[in-house]
N, C-alpha and C. Protein backbone atom coordinates (compact mmCIF):
# COMPACT_ATOMS: atom_id res chain seq x y z
N MET A 1 18.61 -27.50 -5.40
CA MET A 1 18.39 -26.07 -5.20
C MET A 1 17.11 -25.65 -5.91
N LYS A 2 16.35 -24.77 -5.28
CA LYS A 2 15.10 -24.29 -5.85
C LYS A 2 15.36 -23.46 -7.09
N ASP A 3 14.36 -23.40 -7.92
CA ASP A 3 14.38 -22.55 -9.10
C ASP A 3 14.45 -21.08 -8.66
N ILE A 4 15.33 -20.30 -9.28
CA ILE A 4 15.52 -18.90 -8.89
C ILE A 4 14.25 -18.09 -9.09
N ASN A 5 13.48 -18.41 -10.12
CA ASN A 5 12.21 -17.69 -10.35
C ASN A 5 11.24 -17.94 -9.20
N LEU A 6 11.23 -19.16 -8.71
CA LEU A 6 10.37 -19.48 -7.57
C LEU A 6 10.84 -18.72 -6.33
N GLU A 7 12.14 -18.64 -6.12
CA GLU A 7 12.69 -17.89 -4.99
C GLU A 7 12.30 -16.42 -5.07
N ILE A 8 12.39 -15.85 -6.24
CA ILE A 8 12.01 -14.44 -6.42
C ILE A 8 10.53 -14.26 -6.13
N GLN A 9 9.69 -15.17 -6.65
CA GLN A 9 8.25 -15.06 -6.42
C GLN A 9 7.91 -15.21 -4.95
N GLU A 10 8.59 -16.09 -4.26
CA GLU A 10 8.36 -16.25 -2.82
C GLU A 10 8.74 -14.97 -2.06
N ALA A 11 9.81 -14.32 -2.48
CA ALA A 11 10.21 -13.06 -1.86
C ALA A 11 9.18 -11.97 -2.14
N ILE A 12 8.65 -11.94 -3.36
CA ILE A 12 7.61 -10.96 -3.71
C ILE A 12 6.37 -11.20 -2.85
N ASN A 13 5.99 -12.46 -2.69
CA ASN A 13 4.82 -12.78 -1.85
C ASN A 13 5.04 -12.36 -0.39
N ALA A 14 6.24 -12.58 0.12
CA ALA A 14 6.56 -12.17 1.49
C ALA A 14 6.53 -10.65 1.62
N ALA A 15 7.00 -9.96 0.59
CA ALA A 15 6.96 -8.48 0.58
C ALA A 15 5.51 -8.01 0.60
N ASP A 16 4.65 -8.67 -0.18
CA ASP A 16 3.23 -8.32 -0.19
C ASP A 16 2.61 -8.49 1.19
N ASP A 17 2.95 -9.58 1.87
CA ASP A 17 2.43 -9.81 3.23
C ASP A 17 2.89 -8.70 4.17
N ALA A 18 4.17 -8.37 4.12
CA ALA A 18 4.70 -7.31 4.99
C ALA A 18 4.01 -5.98 4.69
N LEU A 19 3.83 -5.68 3.42
CA LEU A 19 3.18 -4.42 3.03
C LEU A 19 1.74 -4.36 3.53
N LEU A 20 1.04 -5.47 3.47
CA LEU A 20 -0.34 -5.52 3.95
C LEU A 20 -0.41 -5.10 5.41
N TYR A 21 0.42 -5.69 6.25
CA TYR A 21 0.40 -5.38 7.68
C TYR A 21 0.94 -3.97 7.97
N LEU A 22 1.95 -3.55 7.23
CA LEU A 22 2.49 -2.21 7.43
C LEU A 22 1.47 -1.13 7.06
N LYS A 23 0.73 -1.36 6.00
CA LYS A 23 -0.27 -0.37 5.60
C LYS A 23 -1.42 -0.32 6.60
N GLU A 24 -1.77 -1.46 7.18
CA GLU A 24 -2.78 -1.47 8.24
C GLU A 24 -2.25 -0.72 9.46
N ALA A 25 -0.99 -0.96 9.81
CA ALA A 25 -0.39 -0.26 10.94
C ALA A 25 -0.37 1.24 10.69
N GLU A 26 -0.04 1.63 9.47
CA GLU A 26 -0.01 3.06 9.11
C GLU A 26 -1.40 3.69 9.28
N LYS A 27 -2.42 2.98 8.82
CA LYS A 27 -3.79 3.48 8.95
C LYS A 27 -4.17 3.70 10.42
N PHE A 28 -3.87 2.71 11.25
CA PHE A 28 -4.20 2.83 12.67
C PHE A 28 -3.33 3.90 13.36
N ALA A 29 -2.08 4.02 12.96
CA ALA A 29 -1.20 5.03 13.55
C ALA A 29 -1.70 6.44 13.23
N LYS A 30 -2.13 6.64 12.01
CA LYS A 30 -2.66 7.96 11.65
C LYS A 30 -3.94 8.25 12.42
N SER A 31 -4.77 7.25 12.61
CA SER A 31 -5.99 7.42 13.40
C SER A 31 -5.62 7.73 14.86
N ALA A 32 -4.64 7.01 15.40
CA ALA A 32 -4.18 7.28 16.76
C ALA A 32 -3.65 8.70 16.86
N GLY A 33 -2.95 9.16 15.83
CA GLY A 33 -2.44 10.52 15.81
C GLY A 33 -3.56 11.55 15.84
N ASN A 34 -4.62 11.28 15.10
CA ASN A 34 -5.77 12.19 15.11
C ASN A 34 -6.41 12.23 16.50
N TRP A 35 -6.59 11.05 17.09
CA TRP A 35 -7.16 11.01 18.44
C TRP A 35 -6.20 11.64 19.45
N GLY A 36 -4.91 11.50 19.20
CA GLY A 36 -3.92 12.11 20.07
C GLY A 36 -4.00 13.63 20.07
N MET A 37 -4.21 14.19 18.89
CA MET A 37 -4.36 15.66 18.81
C MET A 37 -5.61 16.09 19.57
N PHE A 38 -6.68 15.33 19.40
CA PHE A 38 -7.91 15.62 20.13
C PHE A 38 -7.67 15.52 21.64
N ASP A 39 -6.89 14.51 22.04
CA ASP A 39 -6.56 14.32 23.45
C ASP A 39 -5.77 15.50 23.99
N ILE A 40 -4.79 15.96 23.22
CA ILE A 40 -3.98 17.12 23.63
C ILE A 40 -4.87 18.35 23.81
N LEU A 41 -5.86 18.48 22.95
CA LEU A 41 -6.75 19.64 23.01
C LEU A 41 -7.84 19.51 24.06
N GLY A 42 -7.75 18.47 24.90
CA GLY A 42 -8.69 18.34 26.01
C GLY A 42 -9.71 17.24 25.82
N GLY A 43 -9.40 16.25 25.02
CA GLY A 43 -10.34 15.17 24.74
C GLY A 43 -10.67 14.30 25.94
N GLY A 44 -9.81 14.29 26.92
CA GLY A 44 -10.09 13.55 28.15
C GLY A 44 -9.86 12.05 28.05
N PHE A 45 -10.37 11.35 29.05
CA PHE A 45 -10.13 9.91 29.19
C PHE A 45 -10.66 9.12 28.01
N PHE A 46 -11.83 9.50 27.47
CA PHE A 46 -12.42 8.80 26.33
C PHE A 46 -11.48 8.85 25.13
N ALA A 47 -10.94 10.01 24.84
CA ALA A 47 -10.01 10.16 23.72
C ALA A 47 -8.74 9.34 23.97
N THR A 48 -8.27 9.34 25.21
CA THR A 48 -7.09 8.56 25.57
C THR A 48 -7.33 7.07 25.33
N MET A 49 -8.51 6.59 25.71
CA MET A 49 -8.82 5.17 25.52
C MET A 49 -8.88 4.80 24.04
N ILE A 50 -9.53 5.62 23.24
CA ILE A 50 -9.63 5.32 21.80
C ILE A 50 -8.25 5.37 21.16
N LYS A 51 -7.47 6.40 21.52
CA LYS A 51 -6.11 6.51 21.00
C LYS A 51 -5.31 5.27 21.36
N ARG A 52 -5.45 4.81 22.59
CA ARG A 52 -4.71 3.64 23.05
C ARG A 52 -5.13 2.38 22.28
N GLU A 53 -6.44 2.24 22.01
CA GLU A 53 -6.90 1.11 21.20
C GLU A 53 -6.25 1.12 19.83
N LYS A 54 -6.19 2.29 19.23
CA LYS A 54 -5.58 2.42 17.91
C LYS A 54 -4.09 2.07 17.98
N MET A 55 -3.44 2.49 19.07
CA MET A 55 -2.02 2.18 19.23
C MET A 55 -1.81 0.68 19.41
N GLU A 56 -2.72 0.02 20.09
CA GLU A 56 -2.63 -1.44 20.23
C GLU A 56 -2.79 -2.11 18.87
N ASP A 57 -3.70 -1.58 18.03
CA ASP A 57 -3.87 -2.11 16.67
C ASP A 57 -2.59 -1.91 15.86
N VAL A 58 -1.94 -0.78 16.06
CA VAL A 58 -0.65 -0.53 15.39
C VAL A 58 0.34 -1.61 15.82
N GLU A 59 0.46 -1.82 17.12
CA GLU A 59 1.42 -2.79 17.64
C GLU A 59 1.14 -4.20 17.12
N LYS A 60 -0.13 -4.59 17.04
CA LYS A 60 -0.48 -5.92 16.52
C LYS A 60 -0.05 -6.06 15.07
N ASN A 61 -0.32 -5.04 14.27
CA ASN A 61 0.05 -5.11 12.86
C ASN A 61 1.55 -5.01 12.65
N ILE A 62 2.24 -4.25 13.49
CA ILE A 62 3.70 -4.18 13.41
C ILE A 62 4.29 -5.55 13.73
N SER A 63 3.74 -6.22 14.72
CA SER A 63 4.22 -7.55 15.08
C SER A 63 4.05 -8.51 13.90
N LYS A 64 2.89 -8.48 13.27
CA LYS A 64 2.64 -9.33 12.10
C LYS A 64 3.57 -8.95 10.96
N ALA A 65 3.79 -7.64 10.77
CA ALA A 65 4.68 -7.18 9.70
C ALA A 65 6.11 -7.65 9.96
N GLN A 66 6.54 -7.59 11.23
CA GLN A 66 7.89 -8.04 11.54
C GLN A 66 8.07 -9.52 11.24
N LYS A 67 7.05 -10.33 11.51
CA LYS A 67 7.12 -11.75 11.18
C LYS A 67 7.19 -11.94 9.67
N ALA A 68 6.41 -11.17 8.93
CA ALA A 68 6.44 -11.25 7.47
C ALA A 68 7.80 -10.80 6.93
N ILE A 69 8.40 -9.80 7.58
CA ILE A 69 9.71 -9.32 7.16
C ILE A 69 10.78 -10.38 7.45
N GLU A 70 10.61 -11.12 8.55
CA GLU A 70 11.54 -12.22 8.82
C GLU A 70 11.47 -13.26 7.72
N VAL A 71 10.26 -13.59 7.27
CA VAL A 71 10.09 -14.53 6.16
C VAL A 71 10.73 -13.93 4.90
N LEU A 72 10.49 -12.65 4.66
CA LEU A 72 11.08 -11.98 3.51
C LEU A 72 12.60 -12.06 3.57
N ASN A 73 13.18 -11.83 4.73
CA ASN A 73 14.64 -11.92 4.88
C ASN A 73 15.15 -13.32 4.56
N LEU A 74 14.40 -14.34 4.98
CA LEU A 74 14.80 -15.71 4.66
C LEU A 74 14.78 -15.94 3.15
N GLU A 75 13.75 -15.43 2.50
CA GLU A 75 13.66 -15.58 1.05
C GLU A 75 14.78 -14.80 0.35
N LEU A 76 15.09 -13.64 0.89
CA LEU A 76 16.12 -12.81 0.28
C LEU A 76 17.51 -13.41 0.47
N LYS A 77 17.70 -14.13 1.57
CA LYS A 77 19.00 -14.78 1.78
C LYS A 77 19.30 -15.72 0.63
N ASP A 78 18.25 -16.38 0.12
CA ASP A 78 18.43 -17.26 -1.03
C ASP A 78 18.86 -16.46 -2.26
N LEU A 79 18.52 -15.18 -2.26
CA LEU A 79 18.87 -14.31 -3.39
C LEU A 79 20.09 -13.44 -3.06
N GLU A 80 20.69 -13.68 -1.89
CA GLU A 80 21.85 -12.94 -1.41
C GLU A 80 21.59 -11.44 -1.31
N THR A 81 20.40 -11.11 -0.82
CA THR A 81 20.01 -9.73 -0.57
C THR A 81 19.39 -9.71 0.82
N ILE A 82 19.42 -8.56 1.47
CA ILE A 82 18.83 -8.48 2.80
C ILE A 82 18.20 -7.11 2.99
N ILE A 83 17.10 -7.08 3.72
CA ILE A 83 16.47 -5.82 4.11
C ILE A 83 16.35 -5.84 5.62
N ASP A 84 16.63 -4.72 6.23
CA ASP A 84 16.58 -4.65 7.69
C ASP A 84 15.58 -3.58 8.08
N VAL A 85 14.47 -3.98 8.65
CA VAL A 85 13.44 -3.05 9.09
C VAL A 85 13.17 -3.35 10.55
N ASN A 86 13.25 -2.34 11.37
CA ASN A 86 13.01 -2.55 12.80
C ASN A 86 12.16 -1.41 13.32
N ILE A 87 11.00 -1.73 13.82
CA ILE A 87 10.10 -0.73 14.37
C ILE A 87 9.83 -1.11 15.81
N GLU A 88 10.24 -0.25 16.72
CA GLU A 88 10.12 -0.56 18.14
C GLU A 88 8.93 0.16 18.76
N THR A 89 8.29 -0.50 19.69
CA THR A 89 7.23 0.14 20.47
C THR A 89 7.59 -0.04 21.93
N GLY A 90 7.20 0.90 22.74
CA GLY A 90 7.56 0.84 24.15
C GLY A 90 6.34 0.92 25.04
N ASP A 91 6.51 0.56 26.29
CA ASP A 91 5.39 0.53 27.22
C ASP A 91 5.35 1.71 28.18
N PHE A 92 6.48 2.39 28.38
CA PHE A 92 6.49 3.45 29.38
C PHE A 92 5.51 4.55 29.06
N LEU A 93 5.47 4.99 27.80
CA LEU A 93 4.60 6.11 27.47
C LEU A 93 3.12 5.72 27.59
N THR A 94 2.81 4.46 27.40
CA THR A 94 1.43 4.01 27.62
C THR A 94 1.07 4.21 29.08
N PHE A 95 1.95 3.78 29.95
CA PHE A 95 1.74 3.97 31.39
C PHE A 95 1.59 5.46 31.70
N ALA A 96 2.48 6.25 31.18
CA ALA A 96 2.45 7.69 31.45
C ALA A 96 1.17 8.32 30.93
N ASP A 97 0.72 7.86 29.77
CA ASP A 97 -0.49 8.44 29.17
C ASP A 97 -1.70 8.23 30.06
N TYR A 98 -1.82 7.04 30.65
CA TYR A 98 -2.98 6.77 31.50
C TYR A 98 -2.87 7.42 32.88
N PHE A 99 -1.70 7.35 33.49
CA PHE A 99 -1.58 7.74 34.88
C PHE A 99 -1.14 9.18 35.09
N PHE A 100 -0.61 9.80 34.06
CA PHE A 100 -0.24 11.21 34.15
C PHE A 100 -0.92 11.93 33.01
N ASP A 101 -2.22 11.69 32.87
CA ASP A 101 -2.96 12.22 31.74
C ASP A 101 -3.00 13.74 31.80
N GLY A 102 -2.06 14.33 31.19
CA GLY A 102 -1.97 15.78 31.12
C GLY A 102 -1.26 16.16 29.83
N PHE A 103 -1.06 17.42 29.65
CA PHE A 103 -0.51 17.91 28.39
C PHE A 103 0.84 17.31 28.06
N ILE A 104 1.75 17.21 29.04
CA ILE A 104 3.10 16.73 28.73
C ILE A 104 3.07 15.26 28.32
N ALA A 105 2.36 14.42 29.06
CA ALA A 105 2.27 13.01 28.69
C ALA A 105 1.62 12.85 27.33
N ASP A 106 0.54 13.58 27.07
CA ASP A 106 -0.13 13.49 25.77
C ASP A 106 0.81 13.92 24.65
N PHE A 107 1.58 14.97 24.91
CA PHE A 107 2.52 15.45 23.90
C PHE A 107 3.59 14.40 23.63
N MET A 108 4.10 13.74 24.68
CA MET A 108 5.11 12.70 24.51
C MET A 108 4.55 11.53 23.69
N VAL A 109 3.33 11.13 23.99
CA VAL A 109 2.71 10.04 23.25
C VAL A 109 2.49 10.45 21.79
N GLN A 110 2.07 11.69 21.58
CA GLN A 110 1.85 12.17 20.21
C GLN A 110 3.16 12.14 19.42
N GLU A 111 4.25 12.51 20.05
CA GLU A 111 5.56 12.45 19.38
C GLU A 111 5.91 11.01 19.02
N LYS A 112 5.60 10.09 19.93
CA LYS A 112 5.87 8.67 19.67
C LYS A 112 5.02 8.17 18.50
N ILE A 113 3.77 8.57 18.45
CA ILE A 113 2.90 8.19 17.33
C ILE A 113 3.45 8.75 16.03
N ASN A 114 3.82 10.02 16.04
CA ASN A 114 4.36 10.64 14.82
C ASN A 114 5.64 9.95 14.37
N ASN A 115 6.49 9.56 15.31
CA ASN A 115 7.71 8.84 14.98
C ASN A 115 7.38 7.47 14.39
N ALA A 116 6.40 6.80 14.97
CA ALA A 116 5.99 5.48 14.45
C ALA A 116 5.47 5.61 13.03
N ILE A 117 4.68 6.64 12.76
CA ILE A 117 4.16 6.85 11.40
C ILE A 117 5.31 7.01 10.42
N LYS A 118 6.31 7.80 10.78
CA LYS A 118 7.48 7.99 9.89
C LYS A 118 8.21 6.68 9.66
N GLN A 119 8.41 5.90 10.72
CA GLN A 119 9.11 4.62 10.59
C GLN A 119 8.31 3.65 9.70
N ILE A 120 7.00 3.63 9.89
CA ILE A 120 6.16 2.75 9.08
C ILE A 120 6.21 3.19 7.62
N GLU A 121 6.10 4.49 7.38
CA GLU A 121 6.16 4.99 6.00
C GLU A 121 7.49 4.64 5.35
N ASN A 122 8.59 4.76 6.10
CA ASN A 122 9.90 4.39 5.56
C ASN A 122 9.98 2.90 5.25
N ALA A 123 9.44 2.08 6.15
CA ALA A 123 9.44 0.63 5.93
C ALA A 123 8.63 0.29 4.68
N ILE A 124 7.47 0.92 4.52
CA ILE A 124 6.64 0.68 3.33
C ILE A 124 7.41 1.05 2.08
N LEU A 125 8.03 2.22 2.09
CA LEU A 125 8.80 2.68 0.93
C LEU A 125 9.93 1.70 0.60
N ASN A 126 10.68 1.28 1.62
CA ASN A 126 11.79 0.35 1.40
C ASN A 126 11.31 -0.97 0.81
N ILE A 127 10.23 -1.50 1.36
CA ILE A 127 9.73 -2.80 0.88
C ILE A 127 9.12 -2.65 -0.51
N GLU A 128 8.42 -1.53 -0.77
CA GLU A 128 7.88 -1.32 -2.12
C GLU A 128 9.01 -1.23 -3.14
N GLU A 129 10.10 -0.53 -2.80
CA GLU A 129 11.24 -0.44 -3.72
C GLU A 129 11.87 -1.81 -3.94
N LEU A 130 12.00 -2.59 -2.87
CA LEU A 130 12.54 -3.93 -2.98
C LEU A 130 11.64 -4.79 -3.87
N LYS A 131 10.33 -4.68 -3.67
CA LYS A 131 9.39 -5.47 -4.46
C LYS A 131 9.50 -5.12 -5.94
N ILE A 132 9.62 -3.84 -6.25
CA ILE A 132 9.79 -3.41 -7.64
C ILE A 132 11.06 -4.03 -8.23
N SER A 133 12.14 -4.03 -7.46
CA SER A 133 13.39 -4.64 -7.92
C SER A 133 13.21 -6.14 -8.17
N LEU A 134 12.53 -6.80 -7.25
CA LEU A 134 12.29 -8.24 -7.40
C LEU A 134 11.44 -8.52 -8.63
N GLU A 135 10.39 -7.73 -8.82
CA GLU A 135 9.52 -7.93 -9.99
C GLU A 135 10.29 -7.69 -11.28
N SER A 136 11.16 -6.70 -11.28
CA SER A 136 11.99 -6.42 -12.45
C SER A 136 12.95 -7.59 -12.71
N MET A 137 13.53 -8.10 -11.63
CA MET A 137 14.44 -9.24 -11.74
C MET A 137 13.71 -10.44 -12.33
N LEU A 138 12.47 -10.65 -11.89
CA LEU A 138 11.67 -11.78 -12.38
C LEU A 138 11.33 -11.59 -13.85
N ARG A 139 10.92 -10.37 -14.23
CA ARG A 139 10.60 -10.09 -15.65
C ARG A 139 11.81 -10.30 -16.54
N ASP A 140 12.97 -9.87 -16.08
CA ASP A 140 14.19 -10.01 -16.88
C ASP A 140 14.58 -11.46 -17.08
N ARG A 141 14.17 -12.33 -16.18
CA ARG A 141 14.53 -13.74 -16.27
C ARG A 141 13.58 -14.52 -17.17
N ILE A 142 12.43 -13.94 -17.47
CA ILE A 142 11.42 -14.67 -18.27
C ILE A 142 11.70 -14.52 -19.74
């Protein structure tokens, strides 16, 4: 069996990886939100395209974060702890945003962006709290 201190450190490292990708996703989501507001106010196709690029960057970082969280969960299983973070992205609103580019579609996409930002912020908070607990656990063992 592995040394418990090593298990804790591996979990901390996995938490750091997840936080890195989540914070990148948060940055892109907030940027997408800003472009989304501009789009709602009449930004047009150009604003829609930039917003969509930012949303794709969010999705890429969320995917990487989810993989890091899977690794974190594996490490936590060794410590008999588990964290469950699930951030979903959908394709319908992307389709609607491009093909029904009007106020209602833009508003729906903006709501989705705002919801994603809240989910990402909650995931960051949960993982930061977990990391603090792990670091405390490690300090107490030394």
